[in-house]
PDB file of N, CA and C in Angstrom:
ATOM      1  N   UNK A   1      12.477 -14.690   4.340  1.00  0.00           N
ATOM      2  CA  UNK A   1      11.696 -13.586   4.884  1.00  0.00           C
ATOM      3  C   UNK A   1      12.542 -12.355   5.184  1.00  0.00           C
ATOM      4  N   UNK A   2      13.791 -12.342   4.816  1.00  0.00           N
ATOM      5  CA  UNK A   2      14.603 -11.153   5.029  1.00  0.00           C
ATOM      6  C   UNK A   2      14.837 -10.455   3.701  1.00  0.00           C
ATOM      7  N   UNK A   3      14.754  -9.134   3.737  1.00  0.00           N
ATOM      8  CA  UNK A   3      15.015  -8.364   2.534  1.00  0.00           C
ATOM      9  C   UNK A   3      16.495  -8.084   2.387  1.00  0.00           C
ATOM     10  N   UNK A   4      16.833  -7.278   1.380  1.00  0.00           N
ATOM     11  CA  UNK A   4      18.238  -7.031   1.083  1.00  0.00           C
ATOM     12  C   UNK A   4      18.941  -6.230   2.169  1.00  0.00           C
ATOM     13  N   UNK A   5      18.210  -5.487   2.981  1.00  0.00           N
ATOM     14  CA  UNK A   5      18.816  -4.692   4.053  1.00  0.00           C
ATOM     15  C   UNK A   5      18.768  -5.389   5.411  1.00  0.00           C
ATOM     16  N   UNK A   6      18.273  -6.621   5.426  1.00  0.00           N
ATOM     17  CA  UNK A   6      18.119  -7.350   6.687  1.00  0.00           C
ATOM     18  C   UNK A   6      18.977  -8.606   6.637  1.00  0.00           C
ATOM     19  N   UNK A   7      19.799  -8.795   7.658  1.00  0.00           N
ATOM     20  CA  UNK A   7      20.732  -9.918   7.731  1.00  0.00           C
ATOM     21  C   UNK A   7      20.081 -11.088   8.465  1.00  0.00           C
ATOM     22  N   UNK A   8      20.241 -12.286   7.914  1.00  0.00           N
ATOM     23  CA  UNK A   8      19.840 -13.492   8.648  1.00  0.00           C
ATOM     24  C   UNK A   8      20.879 -13.703   9.752  1.00  0.00           C
ATOM     25  N   UNK A   9      20.416 -13.800  10.976  1.00  0.00           N
ATOM     26  CA  UNK A   9      21.313 -13.961  12.117  1.00  0.00           C
ATOM     27  C   UNK A   9      21.085 -15.323  12.740  1.00  0.00           C
ATOM     28  N   UNK A  10      22.200 -15.981  13.067  1.00  0.00           N
ATOM     29  CA  UNK A  10      22.156 -17.246  13.792  1.00  0.00           C
ATOM     30  C   UNK A  10      23.313 -17.259  14.787  1.00  0.00           C
ATOM     31  N   UNK A  11      23.516 -18.379  15.425  1.00  0.00           N
ATOM     32  CA  UNK A  11      24.552 -18.492  16.445  1.00  0.00           C
ATOM     33  C   UNK A  11      25.943 -18.168  15.876  1.00  0.00           C
ATOM     34  N   UNK A  12      26.166 -18.522  14.600  1.00  0.00           N
ATOM     35  CA  UNK A  12      27.496 -18.359  14.022  1.00  0.00           C
ATOM     36  C   UNK A  12      27.863 -16.896  13.760  1.00  0.00           C
ATOM     37  N   UNK A  13      26.884 -16.029  13.515  1.00  0.00           N
ATOM     38  CA  UNK A  13      27.221 -14.634  13.234  1.00  0.00           C
ATOM     39  C   UNK A  13      26.646 -13.651  14.265  1.00  0.00           C
ATOM     40  N   UNK A  14      26.077 -14.163  15.344  1.00  0.00           N
ATOM     41  CA  UNK A  14      25.494 -13.304  16.374  1.00  0.00           C
ATOM     42  C   UNK A  14      26.516 -12.312  16.917  1.00  0.00           C
ATOM     43  N   UNK A  15      27.686 -12.783  17.249  1.00  0.00           N
ATOM     44  CA  UNK A  15      28.721 -11.918  17.827  1.00  0.00           C
ATOM     45  C   UNK A  15      29.086 -10.786  16.881  1.00  0.00           C
ATOM     46  N   UNK A  16      29.349 -11.111  15.635  1.00  0.00           N
ATOM     47  CA  UNK A  16      29.799 -10.093  14.690  1.00  0.00           C
ATOM     48  C   UNK A  16      28.661  -9.151  14.263  1.00  0.00           C
ATOM     49  N   UNK A  17      27.463  -9.670  14.080  1.00  0.00           N
ATOM     50  CA  UNK A  17      26.358  -8.853  13.580  1.00  0.00           C
ATOM     51  C   UNK A  17      25.662  -8.030  14.664  1.00  0.00           C
ATOM     52  N   UNK A  18      25.629  -8.536  15.895  1.00  0.00           N
ATOM     53  CA  UNK A  18      24.874  -7.851  16.945  1.00  0.00           C
ATOM     54  C   UNK A  18      25.806  -7.300  18.025  1.00  0.00           C
ATOM     55  N   UNK A  19      26.562  -8.161  18.644  1.00  0.00           N
ATOM     56  CA  UNK A  19      27.347  -7.754  19.801  1.00  0.00           C
ATOM     57  C   UNK A  19      28.490  -6.808  19.451  1.00  0.00           C
ATOM     58  N   UNK A  20      29.064  -6.953  18.270  1.00  0.00           N
ATOM     59  CA  UNK A  20      30.213  -6.130  17.874  1.00  0.00           C
ATOM     60  C   UNK A  20      29.839  -5.007  16.916  1.00  0.00           C
ATOM     61  N   UNK A  21      28.571  -4.808  16.677  1.00  0.00           N
ATOM     62  CA  UNK A  21      28.129  -3.784  15.726  1.00  0.00           C
ATOM     63  C   UNK A  21      28.476  -2.380  16.208  1.00  0.00           C
ATOM     64  N   UNK A  22      28.902  -1.542  15.280  1.00  0.00           N
ATOM     65  CA  UNK A  22      29.218  -0.149  15.595  1.00  0.00           C
ATOM     66  C   UNK A  22      27.973   0.727  15.670  1.00  0.00           C
ATOM     67  N   UNK A  23      26.854   0.209  15.179  1.00  0.00           N
ATOM     68  CA  UNK A  23      25.597   0.944  15.232  1.00  0.00           C
ATOM     69  C   UNK A  23      24.561   0.074  15.948  1.00  0.00           C
ATOM     70  N   UNK A  24      23.482   0.666  16.443  1.00  0.00           N
ATOM     71  CA  UNK A  24      22.432  -0.125  17.089  1.00  0.00           C
ATOM     72  C   UNK A  24      21.888  -1.192  16.126  1.00  0.00           C
ATOM     73  N   UNK A  25      21.369  -2.268  16.708  1.00  0.00           N
ATOM     74  CA  UNK A  25      20.853  -3.383  15.910  1.00  0.00           C
ATOM     75  C   UNK A  25      19.455  -3.737  16.392  1.00  0.00           C
ATOM     76  N   UNK A  26      18.523  -3.860  15.449  1.00  0.00           N
ATOM     77  CA  UNK A  26      17.183  -4.354  15.720  1.00  0.00           C
ATOM     78  C   UNK A  26      17.150  -5.808  15.266  1.00  0.00           C
ATOM     79  N   UNK A  27      16.775  -6.711  16.158  1.00  0.00           N
ATOM     80  CA  UNK A  27      16.711  -8.139  15.836  1.00  0.00           C
ATOM     81  C   UNK A  27      15.274  -8.611  15.980  1.00  0.00           C
ATOM     82  N   UNK A  28      14.747  -9.123  14.874  1.00  0.00           N
ATOM     83  CA  UNK A  28      13.381  -9.643  14.806  1.00  0.00           C
ATOM     84  C   UNK A  28      13.440 -11.158  14.975  1.00  0.00           C
ATOM     85  N   UNK A  29      12.936 -11.653  16.108  1.00  0.00           N
ATOM     86  CA  UNK A  29      12.825 -13.102  16.340  1.00  0.00           C
ATOM     87  C   UNK A  29      11.489 -13.549  15.762  1.00  0.00           C
ATOM     88  N   UNK A  30      11.498 -14.511  14.860  1.00  0.00           N
ATOM     89  CA  UNK A  30      10.308 -14.903  14.104  1.00  0.00           C
ATOM     90  C   UNK A  30      10.342 -16.406  13.820  1.00  0.00           C
ATOM     91  N   UNK A  31       9.263 -16.884  13.210  1.00  0.00           N
ATOM     92  CA  UNK A  31       9.202 -18.265  12.708  1.00  0.00           C
ATOM     93  C   UNK A  31       8.317 -18.277  11.471  1.00  0.00           C
ATOM     94  N   UNK A  32       8.577 -19.212  10.590  1.00  0.00           N
ATOM     95  CA  UNK A  32       7.857 -19.324   9.317  1.00  0.00           C
ATOM     96  C   UNK A  32       6.351 -19.481   9.521  1.00  0.00           C
ATOM     97  N   UNK A  33       5.948 -20.224  10.550  1.00  0.00           N
ATOM     98  CA  UNK A  33       4.539 -20.534  10.785  1.00  0.00           C
ATOM     99  C   UNK A  33       3.778 -19.394  11.482  1.00  0.00           C
ATOM    100  N   UNK A  34       4.469 -18.340  11.862  1.00  0.00           N
ATOM    101  CA  UNK A  34       3.889 -17.253  12.661  1.00  0.00           C
ATOM    102  C   UNK A  34       3.263 -16.185  11.762  1.00  0.00           C
ATOM    103  N   UNK A  35       1.931 -16.124  11.751  1.00  0.00           N
ATOM    104  CA  UNK A  35       1.218 -15.140  10.949  1.00  0.00           C
ATOM    105  C   UNK A  35       1.586 -13.696  11.260  1.00  0.00           C
ATOM    106  N   UNK A  36       1.578 -13.297  12.544  1.00  0.00           N
ATOM    107  CA  UNK A  36       1.969 -11.922  12.870  1.00  0.00           C
ATOM    108  C   UNK A  36       3.410 -11.604  12.439  1.00  0.00           C
ATOM    109  N   UNK A  37       4.284 -12.611  12.480  1.00  0.00           N
ATOM    110  CA  UNK A  37       5.666 -12.396  12.031  1.00  0.00           C
ATOM    111  C   UNK A  37       5.689 -12.055  10.544  1.00  0.00           C
ATOM    112  N   UNK A  38       4.874 -12.755   9.777  1.00  0.00           N
ATOM    113  CA  UNK A  38       4.806 -12.476   8.327  1.00  0.00           C
ATOM    114  C   UNK A  38       4.227 -11.091   8.066  1.00  0.00           C
ATOM    115  N   UNK A  39       3.292 -10.649   8.922  1.00  0.00           N
ATOM    116  CA  UNK A  39       2.692  -9.339   8.741  1.00  0.00           C
ATOM    117  C   UNK A  39       3.679  -8.202   8.999  1.00  0.00           C
ATOM    118  N   UNK A  40       4.589  -8.375   9.957  1.00  0.00           N
ATOM    119  CA  UNK A  40       5.530  -7.281  10.244  1.00  0.00           C
ATOM    120  C   UNK A  40       6.778  -7.334   9.374  1.00  0.00           C
ATOM    121  N   UNK A  41       6.976  -8.403   8.638  1.00  0.00           N
ATOM    122  CA  UNK A  41       8.172  -8.517   7.800  1.00  0.00           C
ATOM    123  C   UNK A  41       8.314  -7.346   6.819  1.00  0.00           C
ATOM    124  N   UNK A  42       7.256  -6.954   6.080  1.00  0.00           N
ATOM    125  CA  UNK A  42       7.414  -5.810   5.185  1.00  0.00           C
ATOM    126  C   UNK A  42       7.674  -4.500   5.937  1.00  0.00           C
ATOM    127  N   UNK A  43       7.136  -4.394   7.140  1.00  0.00           N
ATOM    128  CA  UNK A  43       7.383  -3.218   7.976  1.00  0.00           C
ATOM    129  C   UNK A  43       8.856  -3.137   8.332  1.00  0.00           C
ATOM    130  N   UNK A  44       9.435  -4.270   8.728  1.00  0.00           N
ATOM    131  CA  UNK A  44      10.851  -4.293   9.070  1.00  0.00           C
ATOM    132  C   UNK A  44      11.709  -3.914   7.854  1.00  0.00           C
ATOM    133  N   UNK A  45      11.323  -4.393   6.679  1.00  0.00           N
ATOM    134  CA  UNK A  45      12.063  -4.059   5.460  1.00  0.00           C
ATOM    135  C   UNK A  45      11.999  -2.555   5.203  1.00  0.00           C
ATOM    136  N   UNK A  46      10.819  -1.967   5.314  1.00  0.00           N
ATOM    137  CA  UNK A  46      10.665  -0.524   5.094  1.00  0.00           C
ATOM    138  C   UNK A  46      11.483   0.271   6.117  1.00  0.00           C
ATOM    139  N   UNK A  47      11.442  -0.143   7.378  1.00  0.00           N
ATOM    140  CA  UNK A  47      12.194   0.558   8.412  1.00  0.00           C
ATOM    141  C   UNK A  47      13.700   0.382   8.217  1.00  0.00           C
ATOM    142  N   UNK A  48      14.127  -0.770   7.713  1.00  0.00           N
ATOM    143  CA  UNK A  48      15.553  -0.989   7.481  1.00  0.00           C
ATOM    144  C   UNK A  48      16.071  -0.014   6.424  1.00  0.00           C
ATOM    145  N   UNK A  49      15.239   0.337   5.476  1.00  0.00           N
ATOM    146  CA  UNK A  49      15.618   1.331   4.459  1.00  0.00           C
ATOM    147  C   UNK A  49      15.611   2.729   5.082  1.00  0.00           C
ATOM    148  N   UNK A  50      14.572   3.010   5.839  1.00  0.00           N
ATOM    149  CA  UNK A  50      14.428   4.329   6.479  1.00  0.00           C
ATOM    150  C   UNK A  50      15.582   4.626   7.440  1.00  0.00           C
ATOM    151  N   UNK A  51      16.013   3.622   8.200  1.00  0.00           N
ATOM    152  CA  UNK A  51      17.071   3.816   9.197  1.00  0.00           C
ATOM    153  C   UNK A  51      18.440   3.347   8.703  1.00  0.00           C
ATOM    154  N   UNK A  52      18.579   3.142   7.390  1.00  0.00           N
ATOM    155  CA  UNK A  52      19.825   2.661   6.808  1.00  0.00           C
ATOM    156  C   UNK A  52      21.014   3.523   7.241  1.00  0.00           C
ATOM    157  N   UNK A  53      22.055   2.852   7.717  1.00  0.00           N
ATOM    158  CA  UNK A  53      23.246   3.544   8.183  1.00  0.00           C
ATOM    159  C   UNK A  53      23.182   3.986   9.632  1.00  0.00           C
ATOM    160  N   UNK A  54      21.978   4.002  10.212  1.00  0.00           N
ATOM    161  CA  UNK A  54      21.797   4.415  11.606  1.00  0.00           C
ATOM    162  C   UNK A  54      21.506   3.231  12.515  1.00  0.00           C
ATOM    163  N   UNK A  55      20.720   2.262  11.991  1.00  0.00           N
ATOM    164  CA  UNK A  55      20.347   1.061  12.741  1.00  0.00           C
ATOM    165  C   UNK A  55      20.463  -0.127  11.783  1.00  0.00           C
ATOM    166  N   UNK A  56      21.115  -1.186  12.229  1.00  0.00           N
ATOM    167  CA  UNK A  56      21.199  -2.415  11.442  1.00  0.00           C
ATOM    168  C   UNK A  56      19.991  -3.283  11.784  1.00  0.00           C
ATOM    169  N   UNK A  57      19.543  -4.084  10.827  1.00  0.00           N
ATOM    170  CA  UNK A  57      18.374  -4.937  11.027  1.00  0.00           C
ATOM    171  C   UNK A  57      18.746  -6.386  10.769  1.00  0.00           C
ATOM    172  N   UNK A  58      18.266  -7.279  11.643  1.00  0.00           N
ATOM    173  CA  UNK A  58      18.510  -8.706  11.472  1.00  0.00           C
ATOM    174  C   UNK A  58      17.291  -9.507  11.870  1.00  0.00           C
ATOM    175  N   UNK A  59      17.263 -10.752  11.400  1.00  0.00           N
ATOM    176  CA  UNK A  59      16.165 -11.668  11.732  1.00  0.00           C
ATOM    177  C   UNK A  59      16.757 -12.981  12.243  1.00  0.00           C
ATOM    178  N   UNK A  60      16.146 -13.502  13.291  1.00  0.00           N
ATOM    179  CA  UNK A  60      16.521 -14.799  13.855  1.00  0.00           C
ATOM    180  C   UNK A  60      15.306 -15.713  13.772  1.00  0.00           C
ATOM    181  N   UNK A  61      15.444 -16.802  13.019  1.00  0.00           N
ATOM    182  CA  UNK A  61      14.389 -17.803  12.952  1.00  0.00           C
ATOM    183  C   UNK A  61      14.470 -18.625  14.237  1.00  0.00           C
ATOM    184  N   UNK A  62      13.442 -18.520  15.077  1.00  0.00           N
ATOM    185  CA  UNK A  62      13.482 -19.196  16.382  1.00  0.00           C
ATOM    186  C   UNK A  62      13.441 -20.714  16.271  1.00  0.00           C
ATOM    187  N   UNK A  63      12.857 -21.241  15.201  1.00  0.00           N
ATOM    188  CA  UNK A  63      12.836 -22.699  15.020  1.00  0.00           C
ATOM    189  C   UNK A  63      14.229 -23.231  14.731  1.00  0.00           C
ATOM    190  N   UNK A  64      15.018 -22.458  13.999  1.00  0.00           N
ATOM    191  CA  UNK A  64      16.368 -22.878  13.629  1.00  0.00           C
ATOM    192  C   UNK A  64      17.418 -22.466  14.649  1.00  0.00           C
ATOM    193  N   UNK A  65      17.075 -21.558  15.549  1.00  0.00           N
ATOM    194  CA  UNK A  65      18.042 -21.003  16.502  1.00  0.00           C
ATOM    195  C   UNK A  65      17.465 -20.983  17.913  1.00  0.00           C
ATOM    196  N   UNK A  66      17.093 -22.169  18.378  1.00  0.00           N
ATOM    197  CA  UNK A  66      16.454 -22.266  19.704  1.00  0.00           C
ATOM    198  C   UNK A  66      17.336 -21.751  20.839  1.00  0.00           C
ATOM    199  N   UNK A  67      18.651 -21.945  20.720  1.00  0.00           N
ATOM    200  CA  UNK A  67      19.549 -21.469  21.790  1.00  0.00           C
ATOM    201  C   UNK A  67      19.511 -19.959  21.928  1.00  0.00           C
ATOM    202  N   UNK A  68      19.503 -19.241  20.802  1.00  0.00           N
ATOM    203  CA  UNK A  68      19.403 -17.780  20.875  1.00  0.00           C
ATOM    204  C   UNK A  68      18.048 -17.364  21.445  1.00  0.00           C
ATOM    205  N   UNK A  69      16.995 -18.024  21.030  1.00  0.00           N
ATOM    206  CA  UNK A  69      15.664 -17.718  21.558  1.00  0.00           C
ATOM    207  C   UNK A  69      15.624 -17.938  23.067  1.00  0.00           C
ATOM    208  N   UNK A  70      16.216 -19.028  23.530  1.00  0.00           N
ATOM    209  CA  UNK A  70      16.239 -19.308  24.978  1.00  0.00           C
ATOM    210  C   UNK A  70      17.129 -18.300  25.714  1.00  0.00           C
ATOM    211  N   UNK A  71      18.247 -17.947  25.117  1.00  0.00           N
ATOM    212  CA  UNK A  71      19.170 -17.002  25.746  1.00  0.00           C
ATOM    213  C   UNK A  71      18.482 -15.665  26.050  1.00  0.00           C
ATOM    214  N   UNK A  72      17.551 -15.262  25.171  1.00  0.00           N
ATOM    215  CA  UNK A  72      16.867 -13.987  25.366  1.00  0.00           C
ATOM    216  C   UNK A  72      15.429 -14.147  25.827  1.00  0.00           C
ATOM    217  N   UNK A  73      15.121 -15.339  26.363  1.00  0.00           N
ATOM    218  CA  UNK A  73      13.803 -15.613  26.953  1.00  0.00           C
ATOM    219  C   UNK A  73      12.664 -15.263  26.007  1.00  0.00           C
ATOM    220  N   UNK A  74      12.797 -15.684  24.761  1.00  0.00           N
ATOM    221  CA  UNK A  74      11.747 -15.437  23.776  1.00  0.00           C
ATOM    222  C   UNK A  74      10.669 -16.500  23.988  1.00  0.00           C
ATOM    223  N   UNK A  75       9.528 -16.073  24.504  1.00  0.00           N
ATOM    224  CA  UNK A  75       8.432 -17.009  24.746  1.00  0.00           C
ATOM    225  C   UNK A  75       7.228 -16.726  23.855  1.00  0.00           C
ATOM    226  N   UNK A  76       7.258 -15.594  23.168  1.00  0.00           N
ATOM    227  CA  UNK A  76       6.198 -15.217  22.229  1.00  0.00           C
ATOM    228  C   UNK A  76       6.846 -14.495  21.056  1.00  0.00           C
ATOM    229  N   UNK A  77       6.328 -14.734  19.873  1.00  0.00           N
ATOM    230  CA  UNK A  77       6.847 -14.059  18.690  1.00  0.00           C
ATOM    231  C   UNK A  77       5.692 -13.437  17.918  1.00  0.00           C
ATOM    232  N   UNK A  78       5.924 -12.394  17.170  1.00  0.00           N
ATOM    233  CA  UNK A  78       7.217 -11.784  16.950  1.00  0.00           C
ATOM    234  C   UNK A  78       7.728 -11.066  18.207  1.00  0.00           C
ATOM    235  N   UNK A  79       9.027 -11.145  18.383  1.00  0.00           N
ATOM    236  CA  UNK A  79       9.714 -10.440  19.452  1.00  0.00           C
ATOM    237  C   UNK A  79      10.830  -9.637  18.787  1.00  0.00           C
ATOM    238  N   UNK A  80      10.790  -8.341  18.962  1.00  0.00           N
ATOM    239  CA  UNK A  80      11.785  -7.453  18.352  1.00  0.00           C
ATOM    240  C   UNK A  80      12.636  -6.889  19.483  1.00  0.00           C
ATOM    241  N   UNK A  81      13.926  -7.167  19.420  1.00  0.00           N
ATOM    242  CA  UNK A  81      14.854  -6.709  20.453  1.00  0.00           C
ATOM    243  C   UNK A  81      15.799  -5.683  19.850  1.00  0.00           C
ATOM    244  N   UNK A  82      16.039  -4.615  20.592  1.00  0.00           N
ATOM    245  CA  UNK A  82      16.963  -3.568  20.159  1.00  0.00           C
ATOM    246  C   UNK A  82      18.214  -3.638  21.013  1.00  0.00           C
ATOM    247  N   UNK A  83      19.360  -3.637  20.342  1.00  0.00           N
ATOM    248  CA  UNK A  83      20.653  -3.707  21.027  1.00  0.00           C
ATOM    249  C   UNK A  83      21.474  -2.467  20.686  1.00  0.00           C
ATOM    250  N   UNK A  84      22.201  -1.972  21.660  1.00  0.00           N
ATOM    251  CA  UNK A  84      23.132  -0.877  21.463  1.00  0.00           C
ATOM    252  C   UNK A  84      24.407  -1.208  22.219  1.00  0.00           C
ATOM    253  N   UNK A  85      25.520  -1.160  21.535  1.00  0.00           N
ATOM    254  CA  UNK A  85      26.815  -1.503  22.132  1.00  0.00           C
ATOM    255  C   UNK A  85      26.775  -2.896  22.774  1.00  0.00           C
ATOM    256  N   UNK A  86      26.078  -3.816  22.141  1.00  0.00           N
ATOM    257  CA  UNK A  86      26.009  -5.193  22.626  1.00  0.00           C
ATOM    258  C   UNK A  86      25.058  -5.409  23.788  1.00  0.00           C
ATOM    259  N   UNK A  87      24.337  -4.376  24.199  1.00  0.00           N
ATOM    260  CA  UNK A  87      23.422  -4.472  25.327  1.00  0.00           C
ATOM    261  C   UNK A  87      21.977  -4.386  24.854  1.00  0.00           C
ATOM    262  N   UNK A  88      21.125  -5.223  25.418  1.00  0.00           N
ATOM    263  CA  UNK A  88      19.691  -5.178  25.121  1.00  0.00           C
ATOM    264  C   UNK A  88      19.121  -3.910  25.749  1.00  0.00           C
ATOM    265  N   UNK A  89      18.494  -3.060  24.921  1.00  0.00           N
ATOM    266  CA  UNK A  89      17.956  -1.795  25.432  1.00  0.00           C
ATOM    267  C   UNK A  89      16.433  -1.690  25.310  1.00  0.00           C
ATOM    268  N   UNK A  90      15.830  -2.559  24.511  1.00  0.00           N
ATOM    269  CA  UNK A  90      14.374  -2.502  24.328  1.00  0.00           C
ATOM    270  C   UNK A  90      13.877  -3.846  23.841  1.00  0.00           C
ATOM    271  N   UNK A  91      12.698  -4.235  24.309  1.00  0.00           N
ATOM    272  CA  UNK A  91      12.056  -5.485  23.911  1.00  0.00           C
ATOM    273  C   UNK A  91      10.619  -5.157  23.525  1.00  0.00           C
ATOM    274  N   UNK A  92      10.254  -5.504  22.290  1.00  0.00           N
ATOM    275  CA  UNK A  92       8.909  -5.251  21.775  1.00  0.00           C
ATOM    276  C   UNK A  92       8.291  -6.589  21.411  1.00  0.00           C
ATOM    277  N   UNK A  93       7.242  -6.975  22.089  1.00  0.00           N
ATOM    278  CA  UNK A  93       6.604  -8.266  21.844  1.00  0.00           C
ATOM    279  C   UNK A  93       5.283  -8.025  21.123  1.00  0.00           C
ATOM    280  N   UNK A  94       5.113  -8.666  19.969  1.00  0.00           N
ATOM    281  CA  UNK A  94       3.865  -8.554  19.237  1.00  0.00           C
ATOM    282  C   UNK A  94       4.008  -7.788  17.942  1.00  0.00           C
ATOM    283  N   UNK A  95       2.938  -7.826  17.166  1.00  0.00           N
ATOM    284  CA  UNK A  95       2.896  -7.131  15.874  1.00  0.00           C
ATOM    285  C   UNK A  95       2.251  -5.763  16.078  1.00  0.00           C
ATOM    286  N   UNK A  96       2.946  -4.743  15.658  1.00  0.00           N
ATOM    287  CA  UNK A  96       2.457  -3.369  15.803  1.00  0.00           C
ATOM    288  C   UNK A  96       2.511  -2.678  14.440  1.00  0.00           C
ATOM    289  N   UNK A  97       1.812  -1.554  14.303  1.00  0.00           N
ATOM    290  CA  UNK A  97       1.911  -0.788  13.061  1.00  0.00           C
ATOM    291  C   UNK A  97       3.318  -0.188  12.916  1.00  0.00           C
ATOM    292  N   UNK A  98       3.642   0.168  11.701  1.00  0.00           N
ATOM    293  CA  UNK A  98       4.960   0.723  11.396  1.00  0.00           C
ATOM    294  C   UNK A  98       5.288   1.943  12.261  1.00  0.00           C
ATOM    295  N   UNK A  99       4.323   2.829  12.461  1.00  0.00           N
ATOM    296  CA  UNK A  99       4.581   4.034  13.253  1.00  0.00           C
ATOM    297  C   UNK A  99       4.987   3.697  14.694  1.00  0.00           C
ATOM    298  N   UNK A 100       4.419   2.658  15.258  1.00  0.00           N
ATOM    299  CA  UNK A 100       4.765   2.273  16.626  1.00  0.00           C
ATOM    300  C   UNK A 100       6.201   1.764  16.704  1.00  0.00           C
ATOM    301  N   UNK A 101       6.608   0.953  15.722  1.00  0.00           N
ATOM    302  CA  UNK A 101       7.999   0.488  15.686  1.00  0.00           C
ATOM    303  C   UNK A 101       8.947   1.664  15.464  1.00  0.00           C
ATOM    304  N   UNK A 102       8.588   2.549  14.532  1.00  0.00           N
ATOM    305  CA  UNK A 102       9.428   3.713  14.234  1.00  0.00           C
ATOM    306  C   UNK A 102       9.627   4.559  15.488  1.00  0.00           C
ATOM    307  N   UNK A 103       8.547   4.788  16.226  1.00  0.00           N
ATOM    308  CA  UNK A 103       8.627   5.614  17.427  1.00  0.00           C
ATOM    309  C   UNK A 103       9.548   4.996  18.470  1.00  0.00           C
ATOM    310  N   UNK A 104       9.441   3.683  18.667  1.00  0.00           N
ATOM    311  CA  UNK A 104      10.295   3.013  19.651  1.00  0.00           C
ATOM    312  C   UNK A 104      11.753   3.061  19.239  1.00  0.00           C
ATOM    313  N   UNK A 105      12.028   2.878  17.953  1.00  0.00           N
ATOM    314  CA  UNK A 105      13.401   2.945  17.457  1.00  0.00           C
ATOM    315  C   UNK A 105      13.933   4.370  17.615  1.00  0.00           C
ATOM    316  N   UNK A 106      13.161   5.334  17.199  1.00  0.00           N
ATOM    317  CA  UNK A 106      13.580   6.740  17.272  1.00  0.00           C
ATOM    318  C   UNK A 106      13.819   7.185  18.699  1.00  0.00           C
ATOM    319  N   UNK A 107      13.004   6.709  19.616  1.00  0.00           N
ATOM    320  CA  UNK A 107      13.146   7.089  21.030  1.00  0.00           C
ATOM    321  C   UNK A 107      14.454   6.569  21.612  1.00  0.00           C
ATOM    322  N   UNK A 108      14.870   5.372  21.162  1.00  0.00           N
ATOM    323  CA  UNK A 108      16.096   4.775  21.693  1.00  0.00           C
ATOM    324  C   UNK A 108      17.345   5.279  20.990  1.00  0.00           C
ATOM    325  N   UNK A 109      17.202   5.597  19.693  1.00  0.00           N
ATOM    326  CA  UNK A 109      18.393   5.947  18.910  1.00  0.00           C
ATOM    327  C   UNK A 109      18.169   7.256  18.209  1.00  0.00           C
TER     328      UNK A 109
END
């Protein structure tokens, strides 16, 4: 479910892909069985192209990475978290239209 501009993130690369990133990172917490997660996947791909070089995009499968989901108190998905300099700066819970995601990203970065 990740496109060419979106990195699969798990416990092994969390530090390098999110915490040590030189640019802000949007992390989409999702699961294969989640219908709303599948609906926003193409939106995330489009936004990853639009914000290329300005914001990095990653996806965390919550079924495969329960520790990361628990670490960030993910109790509902899709959950989109924005990080800057290794710090959580925004949490978006639910499926929204592309313009709503774009606005939240633009407001933070």
